[in-house]
PDB file of all heavy atoms in Angstrom:
ATOM      1  N   VAL A   1     -12.960   2.067   2.402  1.00  0.00           N
ATOM      2  CA  VAL A   1     -11.529   2.173   2.693  1.00  0.00           C
ATOM      3  C   VAL A   1     -10.966   0.842   3.160  1.00  0.00           C
ATOM      4  O   VAL A   1      -9.925   0.376   2.665  1.00  0.00           O
ATOM      5  CB  VAL A   1     -11.285   3.254   3.769  1.00  0.00           C
ATOM      6  CG1 VAL A   1      -9.868   3.149   4.343  1.00  0.00           C
ATOM      7  CG2 VAL A   1     -11.516   4.651   3.186  1.00  0.00           C
ATOM      8  N   PHE A   2     -11.658   0.207   4.093  1.00  0.00           N
ATOM      9  CA  PHE A   2     -11.126  -1.005   4.708  1.00  0.00           C
ATOM     10  C   PHE A   2     -11.095  -2.184   3.737  1.00  0.00           C
ATOM     11  O   PHE A   2     -10.302  -3.106   3.894  1.00  0.00           O
ATOM     12  CB  PHE A   2     -11.935  -1.372   5.951  1.00  0.00           C
ATOM     13  CG  PHE A   2     -11.920  -0.302   7.017  1.00  0.00           C
ATOM     14  CD1 PHE A   2     -12.976  -0.176   7.895  1.00  0.00           C
ATOM     15  CD2 PHE A   2     -10.853   0.566   7.139  1.00  0.00           C
ATOM     16  CE1 PHE A   2     -12.965   0.805   8.879  1.00  0.00           C
ATOM     17  CE2 PHE A   2     -10.835   1.547   8.114  1.00  0.00           C
ATOM     18  CZ  PHE A   2     -11.892   1.669   8.990  1.00  0.00           C
ATOM     19  N   GLU A   3     -11.950  -2.127   2.710  1.00  0.00           N
ATOM     20  CA  GLU A   3     -12.003  -3.227   1.759  1.00  0.00           C
ATOM     21  C   GLU A   3     -11.269  -2.928   0.451  1.00  0.00           C
ATOM     22  O   GLU A   3     -11.178  -3.800  -0.415  1.00  0.00           O
ATOM     23  CB  GLU A   3     -13.476  -3.553   1.444  1.00  0.00           C
ATOM     24  CG  GLU A   3     -14.249  -4.091   2.647  1.00  0.00           C
ATOM     25  CD  GLU A   3     -15.684  -4.428   2.289  1.00  0.00           C
ATOM     26  OE1 GLU A   3     -16.083  -4.175   1.136  1.00  0.00           O
ATOM     27  OE2 GLU A   3     -16.397  -4.932   3.169  1.00  0.00           O
ATOM     28  N   TYR A   4     -10.731  -1.716   0.323  1.00  0.00           N
ATOM     29  CA  TYR A   4     -10.222  -1.284  -0.970  1.00  0.00           C
ATOM     30  C   TYR A   4      -9.131  -2.204  -1.516  1.00  0.00           C
ATOM     31  O   TYR A   4      -9.099  -2.501  -2.710  1.00  0.00           O
ATOM     32  CB  TYR A   4      -9.695   0.154  -0.891  1.00  0.00           C
ATOM     33  CG  TYR A   4      -9.387   0.733  -2.253  1.00  0.00           C
ATOM     34  CD1 TYR A   4     -10.416   1.212  -3.062  1.00  0.00           C
ATOM     35  CD2 TYR A   4      -8.085   0.771  -2.749  1.00  0.00           C
ATOM     36  CE1 TYR A   4     -10.145   1.724  -4.323  1.00  0.00           C
ATOM     37  CE2 TYR A   4      -7.809   1.279  -4.008  1.00  0.00           C
ATOM     38  CZ  TYR A   4      -8.847   1.749  -4.792  1.00  0.00           C
ATOM     39  OH  TYR A   4      -8.585   2.244  -6.044  1.00  0.00           O
ATOM     40  N   PHE A   5      -8.240  -2.664  -0.668  1.00  0.00           N
ATOM     41  CA  PHE A   5      -7.117  -3.471  -1.141  1.00  0.00           C
ATOM     42  C   PHE A   5      -7.372  -4.973  -1.045  1.00  0.00           C
ATOM     43  O   PHE A   5      -6.471  -5.769  -1.301  1.00  0.00           O
ATOM     44  CB  PHE A   5      -5.845  -3.090  -0.377  1.00  0.00           C
ATOM     45  CG  PHE A   5      -5.360  -1.697  -0.706  1.00  0.00           C
ATOM     46  CD1 PHE A   5      -5.536  -0.674   0.204  1.00  0.00           C
ATOM     47  CD2 PHE A   5      -4.765  -1.416  -1.924  1.00  0.00           C
ATOM     48  CE1 PHE A   5      -5.107   0.617  -0.085  1.00  0.00           C
ATOM     49  CE2 PHE A   5      -4.338  -0.133  -2.231  1.00  0.00           C
ATOM     50  CZ  PHE A   5      -4.512   0.890  -1.308  1.00  0.00           C
ATOM     51  N   LYS A   6      -8.582  -5.360  -0.703  1.00  0.00           N
ATOM     52  CA  LYS A   6      -8.876  -6.797  -0.612  1.00  0.00           C
ATOM     53  C   LYS A   6      -8.823  -7.469  -1.982  1.00  0.00           C
ATOM     54  O   LYS A   6      -8.300  -8.569  -2.116  1.00  0.00           O
ATOM     55  CB  LYS A   6     -10.250  -7.021   0.024  1.00  0.00           C
ATOM     56  CG  LYS A   6     -10.233  -6.996   1.545  1.00  0.00           C
ATOM     57  CD  LYS A   6     -11.592  -7.376   2.112  1.00  0.00           C
ATOM     58  CE  LYS A   6     -11.540  -7.445   3.636  1.00  0.00           C
ATOM     59  NZ  LYS A   6     -12.854  -7.775   4.230  1.00  0.00           N
ATOM     60  N   ASN A   7      -9.401  -6.817  -2.978  1.00  0.00           N
ATOM     61  CA  ASN A   7      -9.504  -7.426  -4.304  1.00  0.00           C
ATOM     62  C   ASN A   7      -8.632  -6.715  -5.332  1.00  0.00           C
ATOM     63  O   ASN A   7      -8.893  -6.766  -6.527  1.00  0.00           O
ATOM     64  CB  ASN A   7     -10.972  -7.413  -4.754  1.00  0.00           C
ATOM     65  CG  ASN A   7     -11.862  -8.171  -3.790  1.00  0.00           C
ATOM     66  OD1 ASN A   7     -11.522  -9.262  -3.353  1.00  0.00           O
ATOM     67  ND2 ASN A   7     -12.987  -7.578  -3.437  1.00  0.00           N
ATOM     68  N   ARG A   8      -7.614  -6.014  -4.849  1.00  0.00           N
ATOM     69  CA  ARG A   8      -6.705  -5.303  -5.742  1.00  0.00           C
ATOM     70  C   ARG A   8      -5.272  -5.689  -5.414  1.00  0.00           C
ATOM     71  O   ARG A   8      -5.010  -6.444  -4.494  1.00  0.00           O
ATOM     72  CB  ARG A   8      -6.877  -3.788  -5.571  1.00  0.00           C
ATOM     73  CG  ARG A   8      -8.220  -3.261  -6.065  1.00  0.00           C
ATOM     74  CD  ARG A   8      -8.358  -1.782  -5.714  1.00  0.00           C
ATOM     75  NE  ARG A   8      -9.552  -1.202  -6.326  1.00  0.00           N
ATOM     76  CZ  ARG A   8     -10.765  -1.316  -5.812  1.00  0.00           C
ATOM     77  NH1 ARG A   8     -10.957  -2.002  -4.706  1.00  0.00           N
ATOM     78  NH2 ARG A   8     -11.800  -0.759  -6.432  1.00  0.00           N
ATOM     79  N   ASN A   9      -4.357  -5.124  -6.188  1.00  0.00           N
ATOM     80  CA  ASN A   9      -2.954  -5.303  -5.849  1.00  0.00           C
ATOM     81  C   ASN A   9      -2.662  -4.651  -4.508  1.00  0.00           C
ATOM     82  O   ASN A   9      -3.466  -3.868  -3.989  1.00  0.00           O
ATOM     83  CB  ASN A   9      -2.067  -4.688  -6.937  1.00  0.00           C
ATOM     84  CG  ASN A   9      -2.180  -5.437  -8.243  1.00  0.00           C
ATOM     85  OD1 ASN A   9      -2.392  -6.644  -8.254  1.00  0.00           O
ATOM     86  ND2 ASN A   9      -2.038  -4.724  -9.349  1.00  0.00           N
ATOM     87  N   ASP A  10      -1.528  -4.945  -3.932  1.00  0.00           N
ATOM     88  CA  ASP A  10      -1.218  -4.421  -2.613  1.00  0.00           C
ATOM     89  C   ASP A  10      -0.925  -2.920  -2.663  1.00  0.00           C
ATOM     90  O   ASP A  10      -0.938  -2.291  -3.716  1.00  0.00           O
ATOM     91  CB  ASP A  10      -0.053  -5.187  -1.983  1.00  0.00           C
ATOM     92  CG  ASP A  10       1.250  -5.060  -2.779  1.00  0.00           C
ATOM     93  OD1 ASP A  10       1.313  -4.202  -3.674  1.00  0.00           O
ATOM     94  OD2 ASP A  10       2.180  -5.821  -2.483  1.00  0.00           O
ATOM     95  N   VAL A  11      -0.670  -2.350  -1.496  1.00  0.00           N
ATOM     96  CA  VAL A  11      -0.485  -0.907  -1.386  1.00  0.00           C
ATOM     97  C   VAL A  11       0.702  -0.436  -2.216  1.00  0.00           C
ATOM     98  O   VAL A  11       0.632   0.596  -2.891  1.00  0.00           O
ATOM     99  CB  VAL A  11      -0.306  -0.513   0.098  1.00  0.00           C
ATOM    100  CG1 VAL A  11       0.026   0.970   0.228  1.00  0.00           C
ATOM    101  CG2 VAL A  11      -1.566  -0.846   0.890  1.00  0.00           C
ATOM    102  N   ALA A  12       1.801  -1.169  -2.180  1.00  0.00           N
ATOM    103  CA  ALA A  12       2.993  -0.773  -2.935  1.00  0.00           C
ATOM    104  C   ALA A  12       2.700  -0.700  -4.427  1.00  0.00           C
ATOM    105  O   ALA A  12       3.167   0.209  -5.125  1.00  0.00           O
ATOM    106  CB  ALA A  12       4.137  -1.737  -2.658  1.00  0.00           C
ATOM    107  N   ALA A  13       1.915  -1.633  -4.933  1.00  0.00           N
ATOM    108  CA  ALA A  13       1.556  -1.612  -6.355  1.00  0.00           C
ATOM    109  C   ALA A  13       0.641  -0.424  -6.668  1.00  0.00           C
ATOM    110  O   ALA A  13       0.739   0.176  -7.740  1.00  0.00           O
ATOM    111  CB  ALA A  13       0.874  -2.927  -6.730  1.00  0.00           C
ATOM    112  N   TYR A  14      -0.243  -0.085  -5.753  1.00  0.00           N
ATOM    113  CA  TYR A  14      -1.134   1.071  -5.931  1.00  0.00           C
ATOM    114  C   TYR A  14      -0.324   2.364  -6.016  1.00  0.00           C
ATOM    115  O   TYR A  14      -0.619   3.245  -6.820  1.00  0.00           O
ATOM    116  CB  TYR A  14      -2.110   1.131  -4.758  1.00  0.00           C
ATOM    117  CG  TYR A  14      -3.062   2.308  -4.763  1.00  0.00           C
ATOM    118  CD1 TYR A  14      -4.178   2.319  -5.589  1.00  0.00           C
ATOM    119  CD2 TYR A  14      -2.858   3.397  -3.907  1.00  0.00           C
ATOM    120  CE1 TYR A  14      -5.062   3.385  -5.571  1.00  0.00           C
ATOM    121  CE2 TYR A  14      -3.728   4.470  -3.889  1.00  0.00           C
ATOM    122  CZ  TYR A  14      -4.839   4.457  -4.721  1.00  0.00           C
ATOM    123  OH  TYR A  14      -5.713   5.523  -4.708  1.00  0.00           O
ATOM    124  N   ILE A  15       0.720   2.453  -5.206  1.00  0.00           N
ATOM    125  CA  ILE A  15       1.553   3.658  -5.182  1.00  0.00           C
ATOM    126  C   ILE A  15       2.461   3.718  -6.408  1.00  0.00           C
ATOM    127  O   ILE A  15       2.643   4.778  -7.001  1.00  0.00           O
ATOM    128  CB  ILE A  15       2.390   3.694  -3.886  1.00  0.00           C
ATOM    129  CG1 ILE A  15       1.459   3.896  -2.683  1.00  0.00           C
ATOM    130  CG2 ILE A  15       3.456   4.777  -3.932  1.00  0.00           C
ATOM    131  CD1 ILE A  15       2.126   3.688  -1.350  1.00  0.00           C
ATOM    132  N   GLY A  16       3.043   2.594  -6.779  1.00  0.00           N
ATOM    133  CA  GLY A  16       3.976   2.582  -7.903  1.00  0.00           C
ATOM    134  C   GLY A  16       5.365   3.031  -7.472  1.00  0.00           C
ATOM    135  O   GLY A  16       5.778   2.815  -6.329  1.00  0.00           O
ATOM    136  N   ASP A  17       6.080   3.673  -8.372  1.00  0.00           N
ATOM    137  CA  ASP A  17       7.446   4.110  -8.073  1.00  0.00           C
ATOM    138  C   ASP A  17       7.447   5.067  -6.889  1.00  0.00           C
ATOM    139  O   ASP A  17       6.614   5.973  -6.801  1.00  0.00           O
ATOM    140  CB  ASP A  17       8.074   4.805  -9.282  1.00  0.00           C
ATOM    141  CG  ASP A  17       8.298   3.854 -10.445  1.00  0.00           C
ATOM    142  OD1 ASP A  17       8.367   2.632 -10.204  1.00  0.00           O
ATOM    143  OD2 ASP A  17       8.381   4.336 -11.594  1.00  0.00           O
ATOM    144  N   HIS A  18       8.416   4.875  -6.010  1.00  0.00           N
ATOM    145  CA  HIS A  18       8.509   5.742  -4.834  1.00  0.00           C
ATOM    146  C   HIS A  18       9.912   5.656  -4.253  1.00  0.00           C
ATOM    147  O   HIS A  18      10.707   4.776  -4.610  1.00  0.00           O
ATOM    148  CB  HIS A  18       7.483   5.325  -3.774  1.00  0.00           C
ATOM    149  CG  HIS A  18       7.716   3.945  -3.231  1.00  0.00           C
ATOM    150  ND1 HIS A  18       8.582   3.695  -2.183  1.00  0.00           N
ATOM    151  CD2 HIS A  18       7.222   2.743  -3.605  1.00  0.00           C
ATOM    152  CE1 HIS A  18       8.599   2.392  -1.932  1.00  0.00           C
ATOM    153  NE2 HIS A  18       7.785   1.789  -2.777  1.00  0.00           N
ATOM    154  N   LYS A  19      10.211   6.574  -3.361  1.00  0.00           N
ATOM    155  CA  LYS A  19      11.480   6.585  -2.636  1.00  0.00           C
ATOM    156  C   LYS A  19      11.216   6.682  -1.139  1.00  0.00           C
ATOM    157  O   LYS A  19      11.910   7.388  -0.413  1.00  0.00           O
ATOM    158  CB  LYS A  19      12.333   7.766  -3.100  1.00  0.00           C
ATOM    159  CG  LYS A  19      12.679   7.730  -4.585  1.00  0.00           C
ATOM    160  CD  LYS A  19      13.432   8.980  -5.007  1.00  0.00           C
ATOM    161  CE  LYS A  19      13.702   8.953  -6.512  1.00  0.00           C
ATOM    162  NZ  LYS A  19      14.387  10.206  -6.965  1.00  0.00           N
ATOM    163  N   ALA A  20      10.195   5.975  -0.689  1.00  0.00           N
ATOM    164  CA  ALA A  20       9.773   6.051   0.714  1.00  0.00           C
ATOM    165  C   ALA A  20       9.405   4.671   1.236  1.00  0.00           C
ATOM    166  O   ALA A  20       8.242   4.416   1.580  1.00  0.00           O
ATOM    167  CB  ALA A  20       8.594   7.015   0.854  1.00  0.00           C
ATOM    168  N   PRO A  21      10.363   3.753   1.313  1.00  0.00           N
ATOM    169  CA  PRO A  21      10.032   2.387   1.751  1.00  0.00           C
ATOM    170  C   PRO A  21       9.455   2.319   3.155  1.00  0.00           C
ATOM    171  O   PRO A  21       8.585   1.488   3.427  1.00  0.00           O
ATOM    172  CB  PRO A  21      11.373   1.652   1.654  1.00  0.00           C
ATOM    173  CG  PRO A  21      12.409   2.733   1.660  1.00  0.00           C
ATOM    174  CD  PRO A  21      11.788   3.901   0.987  1.00  0.00           C
ATOM    175  N   LYS A  22       9.919   3.189   4.055  1.00  0.00           N
ATOM    176  CA  LYS A  22       9.387   3.166   5.417  1.00  0.00           C
ATOM    177  C   LYS A  22       7.906   3.528   5.424  1.00  0.00           C
ATOM    178  O   LYS A  22       7.080   2.824   6.028  1.00  0.00           O
ATOM    179  CB  LYS A  22      10.156   4.145   6.307  1.00  0.00           C
ATOM    180  CG  LYS A  22       9.622   4.214   7.734  1.00  0.00           C
ATOM    181  CD  LYS A  22      10.322   5.297   8.562  1.00  0.00           C
ATOM    182  CE  LYS A  22       9.693   5.410   9.940  1.00  0.00           C
ATOM    183  NZ  LYS A  22      10.306   6.499  10.736  1.00  0.00           N
ATOM    184  N   GLU A  23       7.551   4.630   4.766  1.00  0.00           N
ATOM    185  CA  GLU A  23       6.157   5.084   4.752  1.00  0.00           C
ATOM    186  C   GLU A  23       5.252   4.084   4.041  1.00  0.00           C
ATOM    187  O   GLU A  23       4.128   3.821   4.487  1.00  0.00           O
ATOM    188  CB  GLU A  23       6.071   6.459   4.081  1.00  0.00           C
ATOM    189  CG  GLU A  23       6.640   7.602   4.894  1.00  0.00           C
ATOM    190  CD  GLU A  23       8.145   7.747   4.775  1.00  0.00           C
ATOM    191  OE1 GLU A  23       8.776   6.907   4.070  1.00  0.00           O
ATOM    192  OE2 GLU A  23       8.718   8.695   5.359  1.00  0.00           O
ATOM    193  N   VAL A  24       5.726   3.509   2.941  1.00  0.00           N
ATOM    194  CA  VAL A  24       4.936   2.509   2.223  1.00  0.00           C
ATOM    195  C   VAL A  24       4.733   1.278   3.098  1.00  0.00           C
ATOM    196  O   VAL A  24       3.639   0.691   3.136  1.00  0.00           O
ATOM    197  CB  VAL A  24       5.606   2.139   0.887  1.00  0.00           C
ATOM    198  CG1 VAL A  24       4.890   0.963   0.223  1.00  0.00           C
ATOM    199  CG2 VAL A  24       5.613   3.344  -0.049  1.00  0.00           C
ATOM    200  N   GLY A  25       5.758   0.887   3.842  1.00  0.00           N
ATOM    201  CA  GLY A  25       5.639  -0.244   4.755  1.00  0.00           C
ATOM    202  C   GLY A  25       4.611   0.004   5.841  1.00  0.00           C
ATOM    203  O   GLY A  25       3.846  -0.895   6.218  1.00  0.00           O
ATOM    204  N   ILE A  26       4.562   1.237   6.345  1.00  0.00           N
ATOM    205  CA  ILE A  26       3.562   1.587   7.366  1.00  0.00           C
ATOM    206  C   ILE A  26       2.156   1.468   6.792  1.00  0.00           C
ATOM    207  O   ILE A  26       1.252   0.877   7.410  1.00  0.00           O
ATOM    208  CB  ILE A  26       3.819   3.011   7.893  1.00  0.00           C
ATOM    209  CG1 ILE A  26       5.066   3.036   8.786  1.00  0.00           C
ATOM    210  CG2 ILE A  26       2.601   3.537   8.660  1.00  0.00           C
ATOM    211  CD1 ILE A  26       5.495   4.431   9.218  1.00  0.00           C
ATOM    212  N   LEU A  27       1.935   2.027   5.600  1.00  0.00           N
ATOM    213  CA  LEU A  27       0.612   1.953   4.979  1.00  0.00           C
ATOM    214  C   LEU A  27       0.216   0.513   4.677  1.00  0.00           C
ATOM    215  O   LEU A  27      -0.937   0.103   4.901  1.00  0.00           O
ATOM    216  CB  LEU A  27       0.591   2.789   3.700  1.00  0.00           C
ATOM    217  CG  LEU A  27       0.671   4.309   3.907  1.00  0.00           C
ATOM    218  CD1 LEU A  27       0.973   5.014   2.590  1.00  0.00           C
ATOM    219  CD2 LEU A  27      -0.632   4.844   4.509  1.00  0.00           C
ATOM    220  N   GLN A  28       1.162  -0.274   4.189  1.00  0.00           N
ATOM    221  CA  GLN A  28       0.884  -1.682   3.911  1.00  0.00           C
ATOM    222  C   GLN A  28       0.485  -2.414   5.184  1.00  0.00           C
ATOM    223  O   GLN A  28      -0.465  -3.212   5.198  1.00  0.00           O
ATOM    224  CB  GLN A  28       2.121  -2.346   3.300  1.00  0.00           C
ATOM    225  CG  GLN A  28       1.925  -3.818   2.933  1.00  0.00           C
ATOM    226  CD  GLN A  28       0.999  -4.000   1.742  1.00  0.00           C
ATOM    227  OE1 GLN A  28       1.273  -3.531   0.647  1.00  0.00           O
ATOM    228  NE2 GLN A  28      -0.134  -4.671   1.958  1.00  0.00           N
ATOM    229  N   ASP A  29       1.183  -2.131   6.279  1.00  0.00           N
ATOM    230  CA  ASP A  29       0.895  -2.759   7.569  1.00  0.00           C
ATOM    231  C   ASP A  29      -0.520  -2.419   8.036  1.00  0.00           C
ATOM    232  O   ASP A  29      -1.300  -3.298   8.429  1.00  0.00           O
ATOM    233  CB  ASP A  29       1.929  -2.290   8.595  1.00  0.00           C
ATOM    234  CG  ASP A  29       1.781  -2.989   9.942  1.00  0.00           C
ATOM    235  OD1 ASP A  29       1.152  -4.071  10.005  1.00  0.00           O
ATOM    236  OD2 ASP A  29       2.295  -2.456  10.946  1.00  0.00           O
ATOM    237  N   ILE A  30      -0.886  -1.137   7.978  1.00  0.00           N
ATOM    238  CA  ILE A  30      -2.210  -0.708   8.440  1.00  0.00           C
ATOM    239  C   ILE A  30      -3.313  -1.347   7.608  1.00  0.00           C
ATOM    240  O   ILE A  30      -4.260  -1.942   8.149  1.00  0.00           O
ATOM    241  CB  ILE A  30      -2.331   0.828   8.387  1.00  0.00           C
ATOM    242  CG1 ILE A  30      -1.389   1.480   9.393  1.00  0.00           C
ATOM    243  CG2 ILE A  30      -3.779   1.256   8.656  1.00  0.00           C
ATOM    244  CD1 ILE A  30      -1.313   2.993   9.267  1.00  0.00           C
ATOM    245  N   PHE A  31      -3.218  -1.235   6.272  1.00  0.00           N
ATOM    246  CA  PHE A  31      -4.304  -1.733   5.428  1.00  0.00           C
ATOM    247  C   PHE A  31      -4.416  -3.250   5.462  1.00  0.00           C
ATOM    248  O   PHE A  31      -5.520  -3.796   5.364  1.00  0.00           O
ATOM    249  CB  PHE A  31      -4.140  -1.230   3.992  1.00  0.00           C
ATOM    250  CG  PHE A  31      -4.573   0.195   3.809  1.00  0.00           C
ATOM    251  CD1 PHE A  31      -3.637   1.206   3.648  1.00  0.00           C
ATOM    252  CD2 PHE A  31      -5.916   0.533   3.820  1.00  0.00           C
ATOM    253  CE1 PHE A  31      -4.037   2.524   3.492  1.00  0.00           C
ATOM    254  CE2 PHE A  31      -6.330   1.832   3.672  1.00  0.00           C
ATOM    255  CZ  PHE A  31      -5.376   2.849   3.496  1.00  0.00           C
TER     256      PHE A  31
END
C-alpha cells in the first residue's frame, strides 16, 4: 500500500474522472 504510488501516476490519475476534489486531495495528501 505504502509503495503503490511511488512508481505510478498520482492518486488523481489512478481515480480518473471524479466530482470529489476534496476527497481526492485528502487521499493524495495521505499517500
